[in-house]
C-alpha atoms as a PDB file:
ATOM      1  CA  MET A   1     -38.443   8.606 -59.170  1.00  0.00           C
ATOM      2  CA  ASN A   2     -36.542  11.874 -59.602  1.00  0.00           C
ATOM      3  CA  SER A   3     -33.657  11.598 -62.059  1.00  0.00           C
ATOM      4  CA  TYR A   4     -31.281  13.262 -59.582  1.00  0.00           C
ATOM      5  CA  VAL A   5     -32.152  10.666 -56.972  1.00  0.00           C
ATOM      6  CA  ASN A   6     -31.509   7.904 -59.479  1.00  0.00           C
ATOM      7  CA  MET A   7     -28.130   9.397 -60.327  1.00  0.00           C
ATOM      8  CA  GLY A   8     -27.206   9.681 -56.616  1.00  0.00           C
ATOM      9  CA  VAL A   9     -28.169   6.082 -55.839  1.00  0.00           C
ATOM     10  CA  GLY A  10     -26.289   4.874 -58.888  1.00  0.00           C
ATOM     11  CA  ALA A  11     -23.178   6.789 -57.906  1.00  0.00           C
ATOM     12  CA  PHE A  12     -23.352   5.386 -54.358  1.00  0.00           C
ATOM     13  CA  LEU A  13     -23.758   1.802 -55.559  1.00  0.00           C
ATOM     14  CA  GLY A  14     -20.926   2.269 -58.033  1.00  0.00           C
ATOM     15  CA  THR A  15     -18.633   3.538 -55.263  1.00  0.00           C
ATOM     16  CA  VAL A  16     -19.493   0.586 -53.043  1.00  0.00           C
ATOM     17  CA  PHE A  17     -18.794  -1.824 -55.918  1.00  0.00           C
ATOM     18  CA  VAL A  18     -15.402  -0.229 -56.594  1.00  0.00           C
ATOM     19  CA  LEU A  19     -14.374  -0.347 -52.892  1.00  0.00           C
ATOM     20  CA  MET A  20     -15.364  -4.016 -52.596  1.00  0.00           C
ATOM     21  CA  SER A  21     -13.415  -4.862 -55.747  1.00  0.00           C
ATOM     22  CA  VAL A  22     -10.292  -3.106 -54.428  1.00  0.00           C
ATOM     23  CA  SER A  23     -10.588  -4.870 -51.083  1.00  0.00           C
ATOM     24  CA  ILE A  24     -10.889  -8.313 -52.687  1.00  0.00           C
ATOM     25  CA  ALA A  25      -7.971  -7.617 -55.016  1.00  0.00           C
ATOM     26  CA  SER A  26      -5.759  -6.395 -52.139  1.00  0.00           C
ATOM     27  CA  GLU A  27      -6.496  -9.509 -50.118  1.00  0.00           C
ATOM     28  CA  GLY A  28      -5.383 -11.678 -52.986  1.00  0.00           C
ATOM     29  CA  VAL A  29      -2.160  -9.708 -53.560  1.00  0.00           C
ATOM     30  CA  PHE A  30      -0.988  -9.198 -49.978  1.00  0.00           C
ATOM     31  CA  HIS A  31      -2.408 -12.217 -48.160  1.00  0.00           C
ATOM     32  CA  SER A  32       0.259 -14.539 -46.743  1.00  0.00           C
ATOM     33  CA  GLU A  33      -0.215 -17.924 -45.164  1.00  0.00           C
ATOM     34  CA  ALA A  34       0.928 -18.465 -41.586  1.00  0.00           C
ATOM     35  CA  PRO A  35       4.291 -20.290 -41.517  1.00  0.00           C
ATOM     36  CA  GLU A  36       4.228 -23.945 -40.519  1.00  0.00           C
ATOM     37  CA  LYS A  37       6.902 -23.237 -37.891  1.00  0.00           C
ATOM     38  CA  GLU A  38       7.456 -19.942 -36.091  1.00  0.00           C
ATOM     39  CA  GLY A  39      10.897 -18.424 -36.441  1.00  0.00           C
ATOM     40  CA  PHE A  40      10.955 -17.224 -32.822  1.00  0.00           C
ATOM     41  CA  ALA A  41       8.712 -18.272 -29.953  1.00  0.00           C
ATOM     42  CA  ILE A  42       8.621 -16.047 -26.865  1.00  0.00           C
ATOM     43  CA  ILE A  43       7.644 -18.046 -23.814  1.00  0.00           C
ATOM     44  CA  ALA A  44       7.259 -16.373 -20.417  1.00  0.00           C
ATOM     45  CA  GLU A  45       8.104 -18.692 -17.561  1.00  0.00           C
ATOM     46  CA  GLU A  46       5.400 -18.860 -14.951  1.00  0.00           C
ATOM     47  CA  GLY A  47       6.363 -17.599 -11.539  1.00  0.00           C
ATOM     48  CA  THR A  48       9.245 -15.410 -12.758  1.00  0.00           C
ATOM     49  CA  ALA A  49       7.631 -12.188 -11.611  1.00  0.00           C
ATOM     50  CA  GLU A  50       6.703 -13.655  -8.267  1.00  0.00           C
ATOM     51  CA  ALA A  51      10.213 -14.984  -7.717  1.00  0.00           C
ATOM     52  CA  GLY A  52      11.710 -11.604  -8.573  1.00  0.00           C
ATOM     53  CA  GLY A  53       9.338  -9.839  -6.184  1.00  0.00           C
ATOM     54  CA  ALA A  54      10.219 -12.197  -3.384  1.00  0.00           C
ATOM     55  CA  ALA A  55      13.927 -11.623  -3.937  1.00  0.00           C
ATOM     56  CA  GLU A  56      13.385  -7.879  -3.876  1.00  0.00           C
ATOM     57  CA  VAL A  57      12.025  -8.020  -0.350  1.00  0.00           C
ATOM     58  CA  ALA A  58      14.137 -10.889   0.973  1.00  0.00           C
ATOM     59  CA  GLU A  59      14.168 -10.779   4.760  1.00  0.00           C
ATOM     60  CA  VAL A  60      17.627 -10.242   6.242  1.00  0.00           C
ATOM     61  CA  ASP A  61      18.651 -10.785   9.854  1.00  0.00           C
ATOM     62  CA  ILE A  62      19.257  -7.207  10.975  1.00  0.00           C
ATOM     63  CA  LYS A  63      20.869  -8.023  14.322  1.00  0.00           C
ATOM     64  CA  PRO A  64      24.469  -8.528  13.107  1.00  0.00           C
ATOM     65  CA  LEU A  65      24.282  -5.203  11.241  1.00  0.00           C
ATOM     66  CA  LEU A  66      23.145  -3.174  14.247  1.00  0.00           C
ATOM     67  CA  ALA A  67      26.481  -3.519  16.048  1.00  0.00           C
ATOM     68  CA  GLY A  68      28.167  -1.380  13.392  1.00  0.00           C
ATOM     69  CA  ALA A  69      25.191   0.767  12.423  1.00  0.00           C
ATOM     70  CA  ASP A  70      25.523   4.552  12.144  1.00  0.00           C
ATOM     71  CA  ALA A  71      22.733   6.380  13.968  1.00  0.00           C
ATOM     72  CA  THR A  72      23.793   9.701  12.424  1.00  0.00           C
ATOM     73  CA  ALA A  73      23.297   8.247   8.968  1.00  0.00           C
ATOM     74  CA  GLY A  74      20.003   6.846  10.237  1.00  0.00           C
ATOM     75  CA  ALA A  75      18.801  10.366  11.015  1.00  0.00           C
ATOM     76  CA  THR A  76      19.166  11.119   7.305  1.00  0.00           C
ATOM     77  CA  VAL A  77      17.223   7.980   6.374  1.00  0.00           C
ATOM     78  CA  PHE A  78      14.485   9.064   8.790  1.00  0.00           C
ATOM     79  CA  LYS A  79      13.709  12.002   6.507  1.00  0.00           C
ATOM     80  CA  LYS A  80      11.793   9.460   4.394  1.00  0.00           C
ATOM     81  CA  CYS A  81       9.527   8.904   7.408  1.00  0.00           C
ATOM     82  CA  ALA A  82       9.215  12.479   8.677  1.00  0.00           C
ATOM     83  CA  SER A  83       6.223  13.391   6.532  1.00  0.00           C
ATOM     84  CA  CYS A  84       4.093  10.815   8.392  1.00  0.00           C
ATOM     85  CA  HIS A  85       5.803  10.438  11.804  1.00  0.00           C
ATOM     86  CA  THR A  86       7.255  12.632  14.516  1.00  0.00           C
ATOM     87  CA  ILE A  87      10.265  11.393  16.471  1.00  0.00           C
ATOM     88  CA  GLU A  88      10.626  13.880  19.315  1.00  0.00           C
ATOM     89  CA  LYS A  89       9.404  13.074  22.833  1.00  0.00           C
ATOM     90  CA  GLY A  90       5.762  14.029  23.194  1.00  0.00           C
ATOM     91  CA  GLY A  91       5.480  14.662  19.460  1.00  0.00           C
ATOM     92  CA  PRO A  92       1.977  14.552  18.006  1.00  0.00           C
ATOM     93  CA  ASN A  93       0.573  11.760  15.923  1.00  0.00           C
ATOM     94  CA  LYS A  94       0.413  12.546  12.219  1.00  0.00           C
ATOM     95  CA  VAL A  95      -0.612  10.176   9.439  1.00  0.00           C
ATOM     96  CA  GLY A  96       1.304   7.600  11.472  1.00  0.00           C
ATOM     97  CA  PRO A  97       1.891   7.419  15.241  1.00  0.00           C
ATOM     98  CA  GLY A  98       4.726   9.220  17.002  1.00  0.00           C
ATOM     99  CA  LEU A  99       7.869   7.096  17.106  1.00  0.00           C
ATOM    100  CA  TRP A 100       9.575   8.251  20.301  1.00  0.00           C
ATOM    101  CA  GLY A 101      10.553   5.097  22.207  1.00  0.00           C
ATOM    102  CA  ILE A 102       9.379   2.819  19.381  1.00  0.00           C
ATOM    103  CA  VAL A 103      11.968   0.062  19.966  1.00  0.00           C
ATOM    104  CA  ASP A 104      10.377  -2.598  22.203  1.00  0.00           C
ATOM    105  CA  ARG A 105       7.184  -0.531  22.467  1.00  0.00           C
ATOM    106  CA  PRO A 106       3.927  -2.535  22.446  1.00  0.00           C
ATOM    107  CA  ILE A 107       2.480  -2.833  18.944  1.00  0.00           C
ATOM    108  CA  ALA A 108      -0.681  -0.838  18.124  1.00  0.00           C
ATOM    109  CA  ALA A 109      -0.716   0.717  21.592  1.00  0.00           C
ATOM    110  CA  HIS A 110       0.420   4.316  21.094  1.00  0.00           C
ATOM    111  CA  GLU A 111      -2.000   6.639  22.832  1.00  0.00           C
ATOM    112  CA  GLY A 112      -4.378   8.618  20.663  1.00  0.00           C
ATOM    113  CA  PHE A 113      -3.687   6.872  17.351  1.00  0.00           C
ATOM    114  CA  ALA A 114      -6.373   4.991  15.406  1.00  0.00           C
ATOM    115  CA  TYR A 115      -4.682   1.838  14.133  1.00  0.00           C
ATOM    116  CA  SER A 116      -5.851  -0.146  11.121  1.00  0.00           C
ATOM    117  CA  ALA A 117      -7.596  -3.470  11.548  1.00  0.00           C
ATOM    118  CA  GLY A 118      -4.569  -5.182  10.001  1.00  0.00           C
ATOM    119  CA  MET A 119      -2.225  -3.698  12.615  1.00  0.00           C
ATOM    120  CA  LYS A 120      -4.554  -4.626  15.465  1.00  0.00           C
ATOM    121  CA  THR A 121      -4.699  -8.203  14.220  1.00  0.00           C
ATOM    122  CA  PHE A 122      -0.902  -8.285  13.943  1.00  0.00           C
ATOM    123  CA  ALA A 123      -0.607  -7.001  17.527  1.00  0.00           C
ATOM    124  CA  GLU A 124      -2.660  -9.909  18.835  1.00  0.00           C
ATOM    125  CA  ALA A 125       0.109 -12.344  17.907  1.00  0.00           C
ATOM    126  CA  ASN A 126       3.132 -10.038  18.215  1.00  0.00           C
ATOM    127  CA  LYS A 127       3.440  -7.998  21.348  1.00  0.00           C
ATOM    128  CA  ALA A 128       6.294  -5.523  20.797  1.00  0.00           C
ATOM    129  CA  TRP A 129       8.338  -3.788  18.102  1.00  0.00           C
ATOM    130  CA  ASP A 130      11.517  -5.772  18.551  1.00  0.00           C
ATOM    131  CA  TYR A 131      14.417  -5.361  16.122  1.00  0.00           C
ATOM    132  CA  ASP A 132      13.253  -8.108  13.767  1.00  0.00           C
ATOM    133  CA  HIS A 133       9.699  -6.795  13.481  1.00  0.00           C
ATOM    134  CA  LEU A 134      10.971  -3.252  12.916  1.00  0.00           C
ATOM    135  CA  SER A 135      13.358  -4.377  10.205  1.00  0.00           C
ATOM    136  CA  PHE A 136      10.847  -6.522   8.345  1.00  0.00           C
ATOM    137  CA  PHE A 137       8.095  -3.899   8.621  1.00  0.00           C
ATOM    138  CA  ILE A 138      10.330  -1.041   7.469  1.00  0.00           C
ATOM    139  CA  GLU A 139      11.510  -3.182   4.557  1.00  0.00           C
ATOM    140  CA  ALA A 140       8.037  -4.106   3.271  1.00  0.00           C
ATOM    141  CA  PRO A 141       5.144  -2.840   5.439  1.00  0.00           C
ATOM    142  CA  LYS A 142       2.276  -4.507   3.594  1.00  0.00           C
ATOM    143  CA  LYS A 143       4.124  -7.816   3.334  1.00  0.00           C
ATOM    144  CA  HIS A 144       4.957  -8.024   7.047  1.00  0.00           C
ATOM    145  CA  VAL A 145       1.621  -6.652   8.272  1.00  0.00           C
ATOM    146  CA  PRO A 146      -1.133  -7.517   5.786  1.00  0.00           C
ATOM    147  CA  GLY A 147      -3.920  -4.952   5.901  1.00  0.00           C
ATOM    148  CA  THR A 148      -1.821  -2.124   7.312  1.00  0.00           C
ATOM    149  CA  ALA A 149      -2.805   1.361   6.159  1.00  0.00           C
ATOM    150  CA  MET A 150       0.855   2.340   5.847  1.00  0.00           C
ATOM    151  CA  GLY A 151       1.504   3.065   2.175  1.00  0.00           C
ATOM    152  CA  PHE A 152       5.291   3.428   2.442  1.00  0.00           C
ATOM    153  CA  ALA A 153       7.220   1.472  -0.209  1.00  0.00           C
ATOM    154  CA  GLY A 154       9.885   0.438   2.301  1.00  0.00           C
ATOM    155  CA  VAL A 155      13.632   0.772   2.871  1.00  0.00           C
ATOM    156  CA  LYS A 156      15.082  -2.130   0.892  1.00  0.00           C
ATOM    157  CA  LYS A 157      18.805  -1.834   1.691  1.00  0.00           C
ATOM    158  CA  PRO A 158      19.705  -3.685   4.916  1.00  0.00           C
ATOM    159  CA  ASP A 159      22.462  -1.227   5.869  1.00  0.00           C
ATOM    160  CA  GLU A 160      20.068   1.727   5.576  1.00  0.00           C
ATOM    161  CA  ARG A 161      17.509  -0.092   7.706  1.00  0.00           C
ATOM    162  CA  ALA A 162      20.153  -0.860  10.326  1.00  0.00           C
ATOM    163  CA  ASN A 163      21.182   2.805  10.439  1.00  0.00           C
ATOM    164  CA  LEU A 164      17.555   3.909  10.710  1.00  0.00           C
ATOM    165  CA  ILE A 165      16.778   1.460  13.512  1.00  0.00           C
ATOM    166  CA  ALA A 166      19.955   2.527  15.358  1.00  0.00           C
ATOM    167  CA  TYR A 167      18.677   6.114  15.158  1.00  0.00           C
ATOM    168  CA  LEU A 168      15.175   5.132  16.337  1.00  0.00           C
ATOM    169  CA  ARG A 169      16.720   3.206  19.236  1.00  0.00           C
ATOM    170  CA  GLU A 170      18.428   6.355  20.502  1.00  0.00           C
ATOM    171  CA  GLN A 171      15.161   8.306  20.529  1.00  0.00           C
ATOM    172  CA  ALA A 172      14.036   7.071  23.951  1.00  0.00           C
ATOM    173  CA  ASP A 173      14.439   7.867  27.635  1.00  0.00           C
ATOM    174  CA  ALA A 174      16.271   4.562  28.089  1.00  0.00           C
ATOM    175  CA  PRO A 175      17.426   3.072  24.763  1.00  0.00           C
ATOM    176  CA  ALA A 176      16.746  -0.637  24.441  1.00  0.00           C
ATOM    177  CA  PRO A 177      19.836  -2.854  24.632  1.00  0.00           C
ATOM    178  CA  LEU A 178      21.331  -3.899  21.329  1.00  0.00           C
ATOM    179  CA  PRO A 179      20.523  -7.480  20.361  1.00  0.00           C
ATOM    180  CA  GLU A 180      23.079 -10.233  20.420  1.00  0.00           C
ATOM    181  CA  ALA A 181      24.560 -11.077  17.033  1.00  0.00           C
ATOM    182  CA  SER A 182      23.022 -14.011  15.195  1.00  0.00           C
ATOM    183  CA  ALA A 183      24.094 -17.358  16.561  1.00  0.00           C
ATOM    184  CA  ALA A 184      24.810 -18.557  13.033  1.00  0.00           C
ATOM    185  CA  ALA A 185      28.526 -18.589  12.276  1.00  0.00           C
ATOM    186  CA  THR A 186      29.670 -16.126   9.635  1.00  0.00           C
ATOM    187  CA  PRO A 187      31.698 -17.407   6.653  1.00  0.00           C
ATOM    188  CA  ALA A 188      34.785 -15.737   8.108  1.00  0.00           C
ATOM    189  CA  ALA A 189      34.303 -17.456  11.433  1.00  0.00           C
ATOM    190  CA  GLU A 190      33.791 -20.783   9.735  1.00  0.00           C
ATOM    191  CA  GLY A 191      36.964 -20.243   7.749  1.00  0.00           C
ATOM    192  CA  ASP A 192      38.923 -19.416  10.899  1.00  0.00           C
ATOM    193  CA  ALA A 193      37.642 -22.590  12.551  1.00  0.00           C
ATOM    194  CA  ALA A 194      38.890 -24.631   9.630  1.00  0.00           C
ATOM    195  CA  LYS A 195      42.438 -23.225   9.873  1.00  0.00           C
ATOM    196  CA  PRO A 196      45.039 -25.467  11.556  1.00  0.00           C
ATOM    197  CA  ALA A 197      46.340 -24.355  14.929  1.00  0.00           C
ATOM    198  CA  ALA A 198      49.278 -21.977  14.742  1.00  0.00           C
ATOM    199  CA  GLU A 199      52.684 -23.245  15.753  1.00  0.00           C
ATOM    200  CA  GLY A 200      52.930 -23.383  19.512  1.00  0.00           C
ATOM    201  CA  GLU A 201      49.150 -23.395  20.050  1.00  0.00           C
ATOM    202  CA  LYS A 202      47.462 -26.411  21.560  1.00  0.00           C
ATOM    203  CA  PRO A 203      44.629 -27.762  19.436  1.00  0.00           C
ATOM    204  CA  ALA A 204      41.232 -27.916  21.089  1.00  0.00           C
ATOM    205  CA  VAL A 205      40.233 -31.326  22.331  1.00  0.00           C
ATOM    206  CA  GLU A 206      37.306 -32.581  20.283  1.00  0.00           C
ATOM    207  CA  GLY A 207      34.133 -32.854  22.297  1.00  0.00           C
ATOM    208  CA  THR A 208      35.345 -30.587  25.109  1.00  0.00           C
ATOM    209  CA  ALA A 209      32.784 -27.954  26.046  1.00  0.00           C
ATOM    210  CA  PRO A 210      34.019 -24.336  26.164  1.00  0.00           C
ATOM    211  CA  ALA A 211      34.445 -22.750  29.567  1.00  0.00           C
ATOM    212  CA  ASN A 212      31.603 -20.510  30.692  1.00  0.00           C
END
């Protein structure tokens, strides 16, 4: 064998031997045993993320908010929708259907628009865009209508949704009537009911039905 080849192989083997020796020595110097007890244990509670997500899109009864909603402010909120929807009468369909007269309009029935399978399925069980459906859908489209093609993240703040729906309501030949406030008593009303009758007032007779 050529002497130069022998020298090269020897040098290579010597280098490998040195590297292995250094590695073994380093392991002995720097190796540390795992502690019997961890100083800090980080435990993620199961379901935390899901609970947080559910709270983020908590459904709120929009009806009590509509009585004091600001349609002018709602026109500003509608700018978030304008890239995909027109609002004027006779406006064309865009990525989404035209929204003129949307309040109480039949679901998935706007002429000339190709609705997703998810929206068509939703329409089979829910006939019209009433105030509740509008609020829940605007808040979280894919949660309220699974399978919808609408990729909008949603309007999370209830007051903004109320303003937007008040604005949409006005964009119609005959605006739909405002809904009655929720039948549930508000905390203020409950507090007033608990107050004693003012001096000179006759207390209500328990069990007496109110006059119609």
